Amino acid sequence: MADCLFCQIVEKKVPARVVLEDERAVAFEDIHPQAPVHVLVIPRRHIATTADLTTADRELVGDLVLMADRIARARLGEGRGYRLVMNCGAEAGQSVFHVHLHLLGGRPMTWPPG
């Protein structure tokens, strides 16, 4: 999608500090980090919200989670806790309408979030 910021990052039309990428996903530093480790993991394919995911996307969502875990282990070390967040829609705080997973870590997390 031409006007999607994250699609432009995937296409390397907009710069980002890429942490890890493969054939299905790209992970990059959040430009407004909320924790010492704050990485966004996105599918290369444009999907606007988690409500737009289908059963055919099960493996893709698993790939996003596994990529986030790999980054968390590398950045935080084995056994450290971290949070994974996916917002769906404006009311939930989604500001870029391309599915993305937030990896947050490196500090104690409180509950409830937000």
PDB file of N, CA and C in Angstrom:
ATOM      1  N   MET A   1       0.850  -1.162   0.000  1.00  0.00           N
ATOM      2  CA  MET A   1       0.000   0.000   0.000  1.00  0.00           C
ATOM      3  C   MET A   1       0.904   1.237   0.000  1.00  0.00           C
ATOM      4  N   ALA A   2       0.756   2.066  -0.984  1.00  0.00           N
ATOM      5  CA  ALA A   2       1.672   3.177  -1.238  1.00  0.00           C
ATOM      6  C   ALA A   2       1.735   4.203  -0.113  1.00  0.00           C
ATOM      7  N   ASP A   3       0.627   4.477   0.564  1.00  0.00           N
ATOM      8  CA  ASP A   3       0.624   5.520   1.589  1.00  0.00           C
ATOM      9  C   ASP A   3       0.863   4.986   3.000  1.00  0.00           C
ATOM     10  N   CYS A   4       1.167   3.722   3.133  1.00  0.00           N
ATOM     11  CA  CYS A   4       1.402   3.115   4.449  1.00  0.00           C
ATOM     12  C   CYS A   4       2.877   3.291   4.836  1.00  0.00           C
ATOM     13  N   LEU A   5       3.114   3.925   5.972  1.00  0.00           N
ATOM     14  CA  LEU A   5       4.471   4.164   6.449  1.00  0.00           C
ATOM     15  C   LEU A   5       5.254   2.860   6.584  1.00  0.00           C
ATOM     16  N   PHE A   6       4.637   1.837   7.171  1.00  0.00           N
ATOM     17  CA  PHE A   6       5.364   0.589   7.386  1.00  0.00           C
ATOM     18  C   PHE A   6       5.644  -0.132   6.072  1.00  0.00           C
ATOM     19  N   CYS A   7       4.744  -0.033   5.103  1.00  0.00           N
ATOM     20  CA  CYS A   7       5.026  -0.602   3.777  1.00  0.00           C
ATOM     21  C   CYS A   7       6.218   0.113   3.147  1.00  0.00           C
ATOM     22  N   GLN A   8       6.309   1.415   3.361  1.00  0.00           N
ATOM     23  CA  GLN A   8       7.438   2.184   2.828  1.00  0.00           C
ATOM     24  C   GLN A   8       8.738   1.782   3.512  1.00  0.00           C
ATOM     25  N   ILE A   9       8.683   1.429   4.789  1.00  0.00           N
ATOM     26  CA  ILE A   9       9.871   0.917   5.489  1.00  0.00           C
ATOM     27  C   ILE A   9      10.260  -0.434   4.909  1.00  0.00           C
ATOM     28  N   VAL A  10       9.289  -1.312   4.697  1.00  0.00           N
ATOM     29  CA  VAL A  10       9.558  -2.625   4.100  1.00  0.00           C
ATOM     30  C   VAL A  10      10.233  -2.460   2.739  1.00  0.00           C
ATOM     31  N   GLU A  11       9.747  -1.501   1.955  1.00  0.00           N
ATOM     32  CA  GLU A  11      10.276  -1.258   0.605  1.00  0.00           C
ATOM     33  C   GLU A  11      11.552  -0.420   0.610  1.00  0.00           C
ATOM     34  N   LYS A  12      12.018  -0.043   1.816  1.00  0.00           N
ATOM     35  CA  LYS A  12      13.238   0.764   1.995  1.00  0.00           C
ATOM     36  C   LYS A  12      13.130   2.152   1.360  1.00  0.00           C
ATOM     37  N   LYS A  13      11.904   2.659   1.280  1.00  0.00           N
ATOM     38  CA  LYS A  13      11.668   4.019   0.800  1.00  0.00           C
ATOM     39  C   LYS A  13      11.737   5.023   1.939  1.00  0.00           C
ATOM     40  N   VAL A  14      11.559   4.542   3.157  1.00  0.00           N
ATOM     41  CA  VAL A  14      11.666   5.351   4.369  1.00  0.00           C
ATOM     42  C   VAL A  14      12.706   4.668   5.250  1.00  0.00           C
ATOM     43  N   PRO A  15      13.680   5.432   5.750  1.00  0.00           N
ATOM     44  CA  PRO A  15      14.719   4.805   6.578  1.00  0.00           C
ATOM     45  C   PRO A  15      14.181   4.346   7.928  1.00  0.00           C
ATOM     46  N   ALA A  16      14.773   3.272   8.416  1.00  0.00           N
ATOM     47  CA  ALA A  16      14.454   2.743   9.743  1.00  0.00           C
ATOM     48  C   ALA A  16      15.686   2.013  10.246  1.00  0.00           C
ATOM     49  N   ARG A  17      15.797   1.932  11.552  1.00  0.00           N
ATOM     50  CA  ARG A  17      16.904   1.169  12.148  1.00  0.00           C
ATOM     51  C   ARG A  17      16.463  -0.282  12.252  1.00  0.00           C
ATOM     52  N   VAL A  18      16.713  -1.027  11.167  1.00  0.00           N
ATOM     53  CA  VAL A  18      16.288  -2.422  11.076  1.00  0.00           C
ATOM     54  C   VAL A  18      17.147  -3.271  11.999  1.00  0.00           C
ATOM     55  N   VAL A  19      16.471  -4.103  12.786  1.00  0.00           N
ATOM     56  CA  VAL A  19      17.113  -4.983  13.746  1.00  0.00           C
ATOM     57  C   VAL A  19      17.293  -6.376  13.147  1.00  0.00           C
ATOM     58  N   LEU A  20      16.267  -6.843  12.446  1.00  0.00           N
ATOM     59  CA  LEU A  20      16.264  -8.190  11.884  1.00  0.00           C
ATOM     60  C   LEU A  20      15.219  -8.229  10.790  1.00  0.00           C
ATOM     61  N   GLU A  21      15.473  -9.003   9.755  1.00  0.00           N
ATOM     62  CA  GLU A  21      14.469  -9.183   8.708  1.00  0.00           C
ATOM     63  C   GLU A  21      14.653 -10.542   8.064  1.00  0.00           C
ATOM     64  N   ASP A  22      13.558 -11.051   7.529  1.00  0.00           N
ATOM     65  CA  ASP A  22      13.593 -12.274   6.747  1.00  0.00           C
ATOM     66  C   ASP A  22      12.570 -12.140   5.628  1.00  0.00           C
ATOM     67  N   GLU A  23      12.243 -13.223   4.978  1.00  0.00           N
ATOM     68  CA  GLU A  23      11.353 -13.156   3.811  1.00  0.00           C
ATOM     69  C   GLU A  23       9.917 -12.784   4.166  1.00  0.00           C
ATOM     70  N   ARG A  24       9.525 -12.913   5.444  1.00  0.00           N
ATOM     71  CA  ARG A  24       8.141 -12.645   5.826  1.00  0.00           C
ATOM     72  C   ARG A  24       7.948 -11.442   6.734  1.00  0.00           C
ATOM     73  N   ALA A  25       9.013 -11.010   7.413  1.00  0.00           N
ATOM     74  CA  ALA A  25       8.854  -9.968   8.428  1.00  0.00           C
ATOM     75  C   ALA A  25      10.079  -9.059   8.508  1.00  0.00           C
ATOM     76  N   VAL A  26       9.846  -7.870   9.071  1.00  0.00           N
ATOM     77  CA  VAL A  26      10.910  -6.887   9.315  1.00  0.00           C
ATOM     78  C   VAL A  26      10.731  -6.371  10.742  1.00  0.00           C
ATOM     79  N   ALA A  27      11.837  -6.264  11.468  1.00  0.00           N
ATOM     80  CA  ALA A  27      11.822  -5.706  12.819  1.00  0.00           C
ATOM     81  C   ALA A  27      12.716  -4.476  12.845  1.00  0.00           C
ATOM     82  N   PHE A  28      12.217  -3.410  13.472  1.00  0.00           N
ATOM     83  CA  PHE A  28      12.986  -2.166  13.528  1.00  0.00           C
ATOM     84  C   PHE A  28      12.696  -1.434  14.829  1.00  0.00           C
ATOM     85  N   GLU A  29      13.628  -0.542  15.194  1.00  0.00           N
ATOM     86  CA  GLU A  29      13.507   0.242  16.411  1.00  0.00           C
ATOM     87  C   GLU A  29      12.313   1.194  16.319  1.00  0.00           C
ATOM     88  N   ASP A  30      11.548   1.294  17.404  1.00  0.00           N
ATOM     89  CA  ASP A  30      10.469   2.276  17.475  1.00  0.00           C
ATOM     90  C   ASP A  30      11.094   3.672  17.589  1.00  0.00           C
ATOM     91  N   ILE A  31      10.555   4.644  16.868  1.00  0.00           N
ATOM     92  CA  ILE A  31      11.136   5.999  16.909  1.00  0.00           C
ATOM     93  C   ILE A  31      10.758   6.766  18.181  1.00  0.00           C
ATOM     94  N   HIS A  32       9.772   6.262  18.924  1.00  0.00           N
ATOM     95  CA  HIS A  32       9.384   6.850  20.206  1.00  0.00           C
ATOM     96  C   HIS A  32       9.373   5.739  21.263  1.00  0.00           C
ATOM     97  N   PRO A  33      10.557   5.240  21.635  1.00  0.00           N
ATOM     98  CA  PRO A  33      10.603   4.074  22.525  1.00  0.00           C
ATOM     99  C   PRO A  33       9.967   4.331  23.886  1.00  0.00           C
ATOM    100  N   GLN A  34       9.250   3.322  24.357  1.00  0.00           N
ATOM    101  CA  GLN A  34       8.590   3.369  25.657  1.00  0.00           C
ATOM    102  C   GLN A  34       9.306   2.504  26.690  1.00  0.00           C
ATOM    103  N   ALA A  35      10.422   1.896  26.273  1.00  0.00           N
ATOM    104  CA  ALA A  35      11.241   1.053  27.144  1.00  0.00           C
ATOM    105  C   ALA A  35      12.638   1.023  26.540  1.00  0.00           C
ATOM    106  N   PRO A  36      13.640   0.598  27.313  1.00  0.00           N
ATOM    107  CA  PRO A  36      14.993   0.517  26.762  1.00  0.00           C
ATOM    108  C   PRO A  36      15.076  -0.337  25.488  1.00  0.00           C
ATOM    109  N   VAL A  37      14.298  -1.398  25.443  1.00  0.00           N
ATOM    110  CA  VAL A  37      14.144  -2.179  24.211  1.00  0.00           C
ATOM    111  C   VAL A  37      12.715  -1.971  23.733  1.00  0.00           C
ATOM    112  N   HIS A  38      12.563  -1.363  22.564  1.00  0.00           N
ATOM    113  CA  HIS A  38      11.237  -1.171  21.965  1.00  0.00           C
ATOM    114  C   HIS A  38      11.400  -1.345  20.466  1.00  0.00           C
ATOM    115  N   VAL A  39      11.031  -2.526  20.021  1.00  0.00           N
ATOM    116  CA  VAL A  39      11.182  -2.906  18.620  1.00  0.00           C
ATOM    117  C   VAL A  39       9.806  -3.247  18.064  1.00  0.00           C
ATOM    118  N   LEU A  40       9.552  -2.832  16.836  1.00  0.00           N
ATOM    119  CA  LEU A  40       8.324  -3.193  16.143  1.00  0.00           C
ATOM    120  C   LEU A  40       8.637  -4.328  15.179  1.00  0.00           C
ATOM    121  N   VAL A  41       7.782  -5.322  15.171  1.00  0.00           N
ATOM    122  CA  VAL A  41       7.924  -6.457  14.250  1.00  0.00           C
ATOM    123  C   VAL A  41       6.690  -6.451  13.362  1.00  0.00           C
ATOM    124  N   ILE A  42       6.908  -6.377  12.038  1.00  0.00           N
ATOM    125  CA  ILE A  42       5.798  -6.239  11.098  1.00  0.00           C
ATOM    126  C   ILE A  42       5.903  -7.277   9.990  1.00  0.00           C
ATOM    127  N   PRO A  43       4.758  -7.692   9.456  1.00  0.00           N
ATOM    128  CA  PRO A  43       4.816  -8.538   8.264  1.00  0.00           C
ATOM    129  C   PRO A  43       5.181  -7.690   7.046  1.00  0.00           C
ATOM    130  N   ARG A  44       5.851  -8.291   6.091  1.00  0.00           N
ATOM    131  CA  ARG A  44       6.157  -7.574   4.851  1.00  0.00           C
ATOM    132  C   ARG A  44       4.866  -7.266   4.078  1.00  0.00           C
ATOM    133  N   ARG A  45       3.915  -8.155   4.166  1.00  0.00           N
ATOM    134  CA  ARG A  45       2.640  -7.986   3.473  1.00  0.00           C
ATOM    135  C   ARG A  45       1.751  -7.035   4.270  1.00  0.00           C
ATOM    136  N   HIS A  46       1.092  -6.133   3.575  1.00  0.00           N
ATOM    137  CA  HIS A  46       0.211  -5.178   4.250  1.00  0.00           C
ATOM    138  C   HIS A  46      -1.062  -5.870   4.725  1.00  0.00           C
ATOM    139  N   ILE A  47      -1.295  -5.764   6.026  1.00  0.00           N
ATOM    140  CA  ILE A  47      -2.540  -6.174   6.672  1.00  0.00           C
ATOM    141  C   ILE A  47      -2.845  -5.027   7.626  1.00  0.00           C
ATOM    142  N   ALA A  48      -3.977  -4.400   7.498  1.00  0.00           N
ATOM    143  CA  ALA A  48      -4.252  -3.168   8.249  1.00  0.00           C
ATOM    144  C   ALA A  48      -4.332  -3.374   9.763  1.00  0.00           C
ATOM    145  N   THR A  49      -5.112  -4.325  10.230  1.00  0.00           N
ATOM    146  CA  THR A  49      -5.294  -4.544  11.669  1.00  0.00           C
ATOM    147  C   THR A  49      -5.347  -6.032  11.965  1.00  0.00           C
ATOM    148  N   THR A  50      -5.251  -6.366  13.227  1.00  0.00           N
ATOM    149  CA  THR A  50      -5.366  -7.787  13.592  1.00  0.00           C
ATOM    150  C   THR A  50      -6.755  -8.317  13.274  1.00  0.00           C
ATOM    151  N   ALA A  51      -7.750  -7.445  13.200  1.00  0.00           N
ATOM    152  CA  ALA A  51      -9.101  -7.871  12.830  1.00  0.00           C
ATOM    153  C   ALA A  51      -9.159  -8.332  11.376  1.00  0.00           C
ATOM    154  N   ASP A  52      -8.158  -7.959  10.586  1.00  0.00           N
ATOM    155  CA  ASP A  52      -8.107  -8.360   9.181  1.00  0.00           C
ATOM    156  C   ASP A  52      -7.342  -9.664   8.963  1.00  0.00           C
ATOM    157  N   LEU A  53      -6.772 -10.221  10.027  1.00  0.00           N
ATOM    158  CA  LEU A  53      -6.077 -11.500   9.909  1.00  0.00           C
ATOM    159  C   LEU A  53      -7.084 -12.615   9.673  1.00  0.00           C
ATOM    160  N   THR A  54      -6.654 -13.630   8.954  1.00  0.00           N
ATOM    161  CA  THR A  54      -7.503 -14.796   8.705  1.00  0.00           C
ATOM    162  C   THR A  54      -6.785 -16.043   9.200  1.00  0.00           C
ATOM    163  N   THR A  55      -7.467 -17.160   9.139  1.00  0.00           N
ATOM    164  CA  THR A  55      -6.835 -18.412   9.553  1.00  0.00           C
ATOM    165  C   THR A  55      -5.609 -18.718   8.689  1.00  0.00           C
ATOM    166  N   ALA A  56      -5.574 -18.192   7.491  1.00  0.00           N
ATOM    167  CA  ALA A  56      -4.408 -18.387   6.622  1.00  0.00           C
ATOM    168  C   ALA A  56      -3.177 -17.646   7.146  1.00  0.00           C
ATOM    169  N   ASP A  57      -3.365 -16.719   8.083  1.00  0.00           N
ATOM    170  CA  ASP A  57      -2.262 -15.929   8.626  1.00  0.00           C
ATOM    171  C   ASP A  57      -1.693 -16.492   9.927  1.00  0.00           C
ATOM    172  N   ARG A  58      -2.160 -17.665  10.340  1.00  0.00           N
ATOM    173  CA  ARG A  58      -1.681 -18.245  11.604  1.00  0.00           C
ATOM    174  C   ARG A  58      -0.168 -18.369  11.650  1.00  0.00           C
ATOM    175  N   GLU A  59       0.420 -18.895  10.606  1.00  0.00           N
ATOM    176  CA  GLU A  59       1.863 -19.089  10.574  1.00  0.00           C
ATOM    177  C   GLU A  59       2.593 -17.744  10.586  1.00  0.00           C
ATOM    178  N   LEU A  60       2.065 -16.773   9.871  1.00  0.00           N
ATOM    179  CA  LEU A  60       2.674 -15.444   9.835  1.00  0.00           C
ATOM    180  C   LEU A  60       2.709 -14.821  11.228  1.00  0.00           C
ATOM    181  N   VAL A  61       1.607 -14.894  11.952  1.00  0.00           N
ATOM    182  CA  VAL A  61       1.555 -14.332  13.306  1.00  0.00           C
ATOM    183  C   VAL A  61       2.552 -15.063  14.203  1.00  0.00           C
ATOM    184  N   GLY A  62       2.640 -16.372  14.054  1.00  0.00           N
ATOM    185  CA  GLY A  62       3.645 -17.129  14.806  1.00  0.00           C
ATOM    186  C   GLY A  62       5.053 -16.675  14.472  1.00  0.00           C
ATOM    187  N   ASP A  63       5.309 -16.399  13.194  1.00  0.00           N
ATOM    188  CA  ASP A  63       6.628 -15.910  12.779  1.00  0.00           C
ATOM    189  C   ASP A  63       6.954 -14.574  13.441  1.00  0.00           C
ATOM    190  N   LEU A  64       5.966 -13.684  13.562  1.00  0.00           N
ATOM    191  CA  LEU A  64       6.188 -12.389  14.210  1.00  0.00           C
ATOM    192  C   LEU A  64       6.574 -12.586  15.673  1.00  0.00           C
ATOM    193  N   VAL A  65       5.867 -13.456  16.363  1.00  0.00           N
ATOM    194  CA  VAL A  65       6.145 -13.711  17.776  1.00  0.00           C
ATOM    195  C   VAL A  65       7.527 -14.337  17.942  1.00  0.00           C
ATOM    196  N   LEU A  66       7.858 -15.301  17.102  1.00  0.00           N
ATOM    197  CA  LEU A  66       9.164 -15.953  17.210  1.00  0.00           C
ATOM    198  C   LEU A  66      10.305 -14.992  16.890  1.00  0.00           C
ATOM    199  N   MET A  67      10.099 -14.082  15.936  1.00  0.00           N
ATOM    200  CA  MET A  67      11.123 -13.084  15.643  1.00  0.00           C
ATOM    201  C   MET A  67      11.302 -12.160  16.845  1.00  0.00           C
ATOM    202  N   ALA A  68      10.203 -11.744  17.469  1.00  0.00           N
ATOM    203  CA  ALA A  68      10.286 -10.888  18.654  1.00  0.00           C
ATOM    204  C   ALA A  68      11.036 -11.602  19.777  1.00  0.00           C
ATOM    205  N   ASP A  69      10.762 -12.865  19.971  1.00  0.00           N
ATOM    206  CA  ASP A  69      11.451 -13.634  21.015  1.00  0.00           C
ATOM    207  C   ASP A  69      12.951 -13.715  20.731  1.00  0.00           C
ATOM    208  N   ARG A  70      13.300 -13.935  19.479  1.00  0.00           N
ATOM    209  CA  ARG A  70      14.720 -14.006  19.094  1.00  0.00           C
ATOM    210  C   ARG A  70      15.432 -12.679  19.400  1.00  0.00           C
ATOM    211  N   ILE A  71      14.773 -11.578  19.092  1.00  0.00           N
ATOM    212  CA  ILE A  71      15.341 -10.256  19.362  1.00  0.00           C
ATOM    213  C   ILE A  71      15.446 -10.021  20.868  1.00  0.00           C
ATOM    214  N   ALA A  72      14.405 -10.392  21.607  1.00  0.00           N
ATOM    215  CA  ALA A  72      14.410 -10.214  23.062  1.00  0.00           C
ATOM    216  C   ALA A  72      15.569 -10.974  23.698  1.00  0.00           C
ATOM    217  N   ARG A  73      15.786 -12.200  23.281  1.00  0.00           N
ATOM    218  CA  ARG A  73      16.895 -12.995  23.829  1.00  0.00           C
ATOM    219  C   ARG A  73      18.236 -12.337  23.526  1.00  0.00           C
ATOM    220  N   ALA A  74      18.382 -11.818  22.306  1.00  0.00           N
ATOM    221  CA  ALA A  74      19.642 -11.181  21.908  1.00  0.00           C
ATOM    222  C   ALA A  74      19.863  -9.863  22.644  1.00  0.00           C
ATOM    223  N   ARG A  75      18.795  -9.078  22.804  1.00  0.00           N
ATOM    224  CA  ARG A  75      18.924  -7.757  23.416  1.00  0.00           C
ATOM    225  C   ARG A  75      18.931  -7.800  24.942  1.00  0.00           C
ATOM    226  N   LEU A  76      18.156  -8.707  25.520  1.00  0.00           N
ATOM    227  CA  LEU A  76      17.966  -8.727  26.968  1.00  0.00           C
ATOM    228  C   LEU A  76      18.709  -9.851  27.666  1.00  0.00           C
ATOM    229  N   GLY A  77      19.005 -10.907  26.954  1.00  0.00           N
ATOM    230  CA  GLY A  77      19.624 -12.090  27.549  1.00  0.00           C
ATOM    231  C   GLY A  77      18.584 -13.138  27.901  1.00  0.00           C
ATOM    232  N   GLU A  78      19.048 -14.344  28.066  1.00  0.00           N
ATOM    233  CA  GLU A  78      18.170 -15.459  28.417  1.00  0.00           C
ATOM    234  C   GLU A  78      17.494 -15.230  29.756  1.00  0.00           C
ATOM    235  N   GLY A  79      16.227 -15.566  29.833  1.00  0.00           N
ATOM    236  CA  GLY A  79      15.510 -15.520  31.096  1.00  0.00           C
ATOM    237  C   GLY A  79      14.942 -14.168  31.498  1.00  0.00           C
ATOM    238  N   ARG A  80      15.216 -13.125  30.737  1.00  0.00           N
ATOM    239  CA  ARG A  80      14.668 -11.800  31.060  1.00  0.00           C
ATOM    240  C   ARG A  80      13.246 -11.702  30.518  1.00  0.00           C
ATOM    241  N   GLY A  81      12.415 -11.010  31.245  1.00  0.00           N
ATOM    242  CA  GLY A  81      11.033 -10.826  30.823  1.00  0.00           C
ATOM    243  C   GLY A  81      10.901  -9.707  29.801  1.00  0.00           C
ATOM    244  N   TYR A  82       9.831  -9.780  29.050  1.00  0.00           N
ATOM    245  CA  TYR A  82       9.513  -8.746  28.069  1.00  0.00           C
ATOM    246  C   TYR A  82       8.017  -8.788  27.800  1.00  0.00           C
ATOM    247  N   ARG A  83       7.518  -7.751  27.159  1.00  0.00           N
ATOM    248  CA  ARG A  83       6.097  -7.658  26.834  1.00  0.00           C
ATOM    249  C   ARG A  83       5.935  -7.598  25.326  1.00  0.00           C
ATOM    250  N   LEU A  84       4.909  -8.296  24.824  1.00  0.00           N
ATOM    251  CA  LEU A  84       4.508  -8.224  23.425  1.00  0.00           C
ATOM    252  C   LEU A  84       3.112  -7.624  23.383  1.00  0.00           C
ATOM    253  N   VAL A  85       2.924  -6.603  22.531  1.00  0.00           N
ATOM    254  CA  VAL A  85       1.637  -5.907  22.438  1.00  0.00           C
ATOM    255  C   VAL A  85       1.257  -5.753  20.976  1.00  0.00           C
ATOM    256  N   MET A  86      -0.005  -6.041  20.664  1.00  0.00           N
ATOM    257  CA  MET A  86      -0.576  -5.756  19.350  1.00  0.00           C
ATOM    258  C   MET A  86      -1.857  -4.977  19.582  1.00  0.00           C
ATOM    259  N   ASN A  87      -1.911  -3.748  19.095  1.00  0.00           N
ATOM    260  CA  ASN A  87      -3.109  -2.916  19.220  1.00  0.00           C
ATOM    261  C   ASN A  87      -3.966  -3.103  17.969  1.00  0.00           C
ATOM    262  N   CYS A  88      -5.270  -3.071  18.142  1.00  0.00           N
ATOM    263  CA  CYS A  88      -6.187  -3.235  17.014  1.00  0.00           C
ATOM    264  C   CYS A  88      -7.175  -2.070  16.996  1.00  0.00           C
ATOM    265  N   GLY A  89      -6.953  -1.143  16.075  1.00  0.00           N
ATOM    266  CA  GLY A  89      -7.854  -0.011  15.910  1.00  0.00           C
ATOM    267  C   GLY A  89      -7.424   1.210  16.705  1.00  0.00           C
ATOM    268  N   ALA A  90      -7.956   2.343  16.301  1.00  0.00           N
ATOM    269  CA  ALA A  90      -7.591   3.628  16.910  1.00  0.00           C
ATOM    270  C   ALA A  90      -7.920   3.673  18.398  1.00  0.00           C
ATOM    271  N   GLU A  91      -9.051   3.116  18.792  1.00  0.00           N
ATOM    272  CA  GLU A  91      -9.452   3.151  20.199  1.00  0.00           C
ATOM    273  C   GLU A  91      -8.449   2.409  21.087  1.00  0.00           C
ATOM    274  N   ALA A  92      -7.771   1.413  20.530  1.00  0.00           N
ATOM    275  CA  ALA A  92      -6.769   0.647  21.278  1.00  0.00           C
ATOM    276  C   ALA A  92      -5.382   1.275  21.202  1.00  0.00           C
ATOM    277  N   GLY A  93      -5.248   2.353  20.436  1.00  0.00           N
ATOM    278  CA  GLY A  93      -3.967   3.031  20.339  1.00  0.00           C
ATOM    279  C   GLY A  93      -3.191   2.750  19.064  1.00  0.00           C
ATOM    280  N   GLN A  94      -3.792   2.032  18.130  1.00  0.00           N
ATOM    281  CA  GLN A  94      -3.093   1.778  16.864  1.00  0.00           C
ATOM    282  C   GLN A  94      -3.046   3.075  16.068  1.00  0.00           C
ATOM    283  N   SER A  95      -1.830   3.509  15.712  1.00  0.00           N
ATOM    284  CA  SER A  95      -1.688   4.757  14.968  1.00  0.00           C
ATOM    285  C   SER A  95      -1.198   4.535  13.539  1.00  0.00           C
ATOM    286  N   VAL A  96      -0.564   3.401  13.289  1.00  0.00           N
ATOM    287  CA  VAL A  96      -0.179   3.027  11.926  1.00  0.00           C
ATOM    288  C   VAL A  96      -0.977   1.770  11.585  1.00  0.00           C
ATOM    289  N   PHE A  97      -1.766   1.849  10.531  1.00  0.00           N
ATOM    290  CA  PHE A  97      -2.671   0.758  10.196  1.00  0.00           C
ATOM    291  C   PHE A  97      -1.993  -0.245   9.261  1.00  0.00           C
ATOM    292  N   HIS A  98      -1.041  -0.948   9.874  1.00  0.00           N
ATOM    293  CA  HIS A  98      -0.316  -2.081   9.311  1.00  0.00           C
ATOM    294  C   HIS A  98      -0.011  -2.927  10.535  1.00  0.00           C
ATOM    295  N   VAL A  99      -0.461  -4.167  10.546  1.00  0.00           N
ATOM    296  CA  VAL A  99      -0.272  -5.021  11.717  1.00  0.00           C
ATOM    297  C   VAL A  99       1.170  -4.913  12.200  1.00  0.00           C
ATOM    298  N   HIS A 100       1.322  -4.718  13.502  1.00  0.00           N
ATOM    299  CA  HIS A 100       2.662  -4.688  14.088  1.00  0.00           C
ATOM    300  C   HIS A 100       2.605  -5.139  15.536  1.00  0.00           C
ATOM    301  N   LEU A 101       3.685  -5.756  15.934  1.00  0.00           N
ATOM    302  CA  LEU A 101       3.841  -6.266  17.283  1.00  0.00           C
ATOM    303  C   LEU A 101       4.913  -5.423  17.967  1.00  0.00           C
ATOM    304  N   HIS A 102       4.604  -4.898  19.137  1.00  0.00           N
ATOM    305  CA  HIS A 102       5.580  -4.151  19.922  1.00  0.00           C
ATOM    306  C   HIS A 102       6.299  -5.130  20.849  1.00  0.00           C
ATOM    307  N   LEU A 103       7.607  -5.125  20.815  1.00  0.00           N
ATOM    308  CA  LEU A 103       8.437  -5.832  21.783  1.00  0.00           C
ATOM    309  C   LEU A 103       8.983  -4.774  22.731  1.00  0.00           C
ATOM    310  N   LEU A 104       8.641  -4.901  24.012  1.00  0.00           N
ATOM    311  CA  LEU A 104       9.070  -3.948  25.043  1.00  0.00           C
ATOM    312  C   LEU A 104       9.804  -4.704  26.140  1.00  0.00           C
ATOM    313  N   GLY A 105      10.961  -4.194  26.533  1.00  0.00           N
ATOM    314  CA  GLY A 105      11.707  -4.849  27.602  1.00  0.00           C
ATOM    315  C   GLY A 105      12.808  -3.962  28.125  1.00  0.00           C
ATOM    316  N   GLY A 106      13.506  -4.486  29.115  1.00  0.00           N
ATOM    317  CA  GLY A 106      14.628  -3.760  29.688  1.00  0.00           C
ATOM    318  C   GLY A 106      14.271  -2.912  30.898  1.00  0.00           C
ATOM    319  N   ARG A 107      13.024  -2.998  31.348  1.00  0.00           N
ATOM    320  CA  ARG A 107      12.584  -2.313  32.564  1.00  0.00           C
ATOM    321  C   ARG A 107      11.387  -3.081  33.118  1.00  0.00           C
ATOM    322  N   PRO A 108      11.083  -2.923  34.401  1.00  0.00           N
ATOM    323  CA  PRO A 108       9.892  -3.574  34.951  1.00  0.00           C
ATOM    324  C   PRO A 108       8.627  -3.024  34.276  1.00  0.00           C
ATOM    325  N   MET A 109       7.711  -3.905  33.962  1.00  0.00           N
ATOM    326  CA  MET A 109       6.436  -3.526  33.348  1.00  0.00           C
ATOM    327  C   MET A 109       5.358  -3.538  34.437  1.00  0.00           C
ATOM    328  N   THR A 110       4.464  -2.584  34.372  1.00  0.00           N
ATOM    329  CA  THR A 110       3.372  -2.522  35.350  1.00  0.00           C
ATOM    330  C   THR A 110       2.089  -3.035  34.706  1.00  0.00           C
ATOM    331  N   TRP A 111       1.097  -3.304  35.567  1.00  0.00           N
ATOM    332  CA  TRP A 111      -0.208  -3.754  35.098  1.00  0.00           C
ATOM    333  C   TRP A 111      -1.261  -3.009  35.875  1.00  0.00           C
ATOM    334  N   PRO A 112      -2.306  -2.538  35.294  1.00  0.00           N
ATOM    335  CA  PRO A 112      -2.599  -2.687  33.873  1.00  0.00           C
ATOM    336  C   PRO A 112      -1.797  -1.695  33.023  1.00  0.00           C
ATOM    337  N   PRO A 113      -1.535  -2.063  31.772  1.00  0.00           N
ATOM    338  CA  PRO A 113      -0.833  -1.129  30.878  1.00  0.00           C
ATOM    339  C   PRO A 113      -1.771  -0.008  30.454  1.00  0.00           C
ATOM    340  N   GLY A 114      -1.215   1.136  30.097  1.00  0.00           N
ATOM    341  CA  GLY A 114      -2.021   2.249  29.612  1.00  0.00           C
ATOM    342  C   GLY A 114      -2.826   2.805  30.678  1.00  0.00           C
TER     343      GLY A 114
END
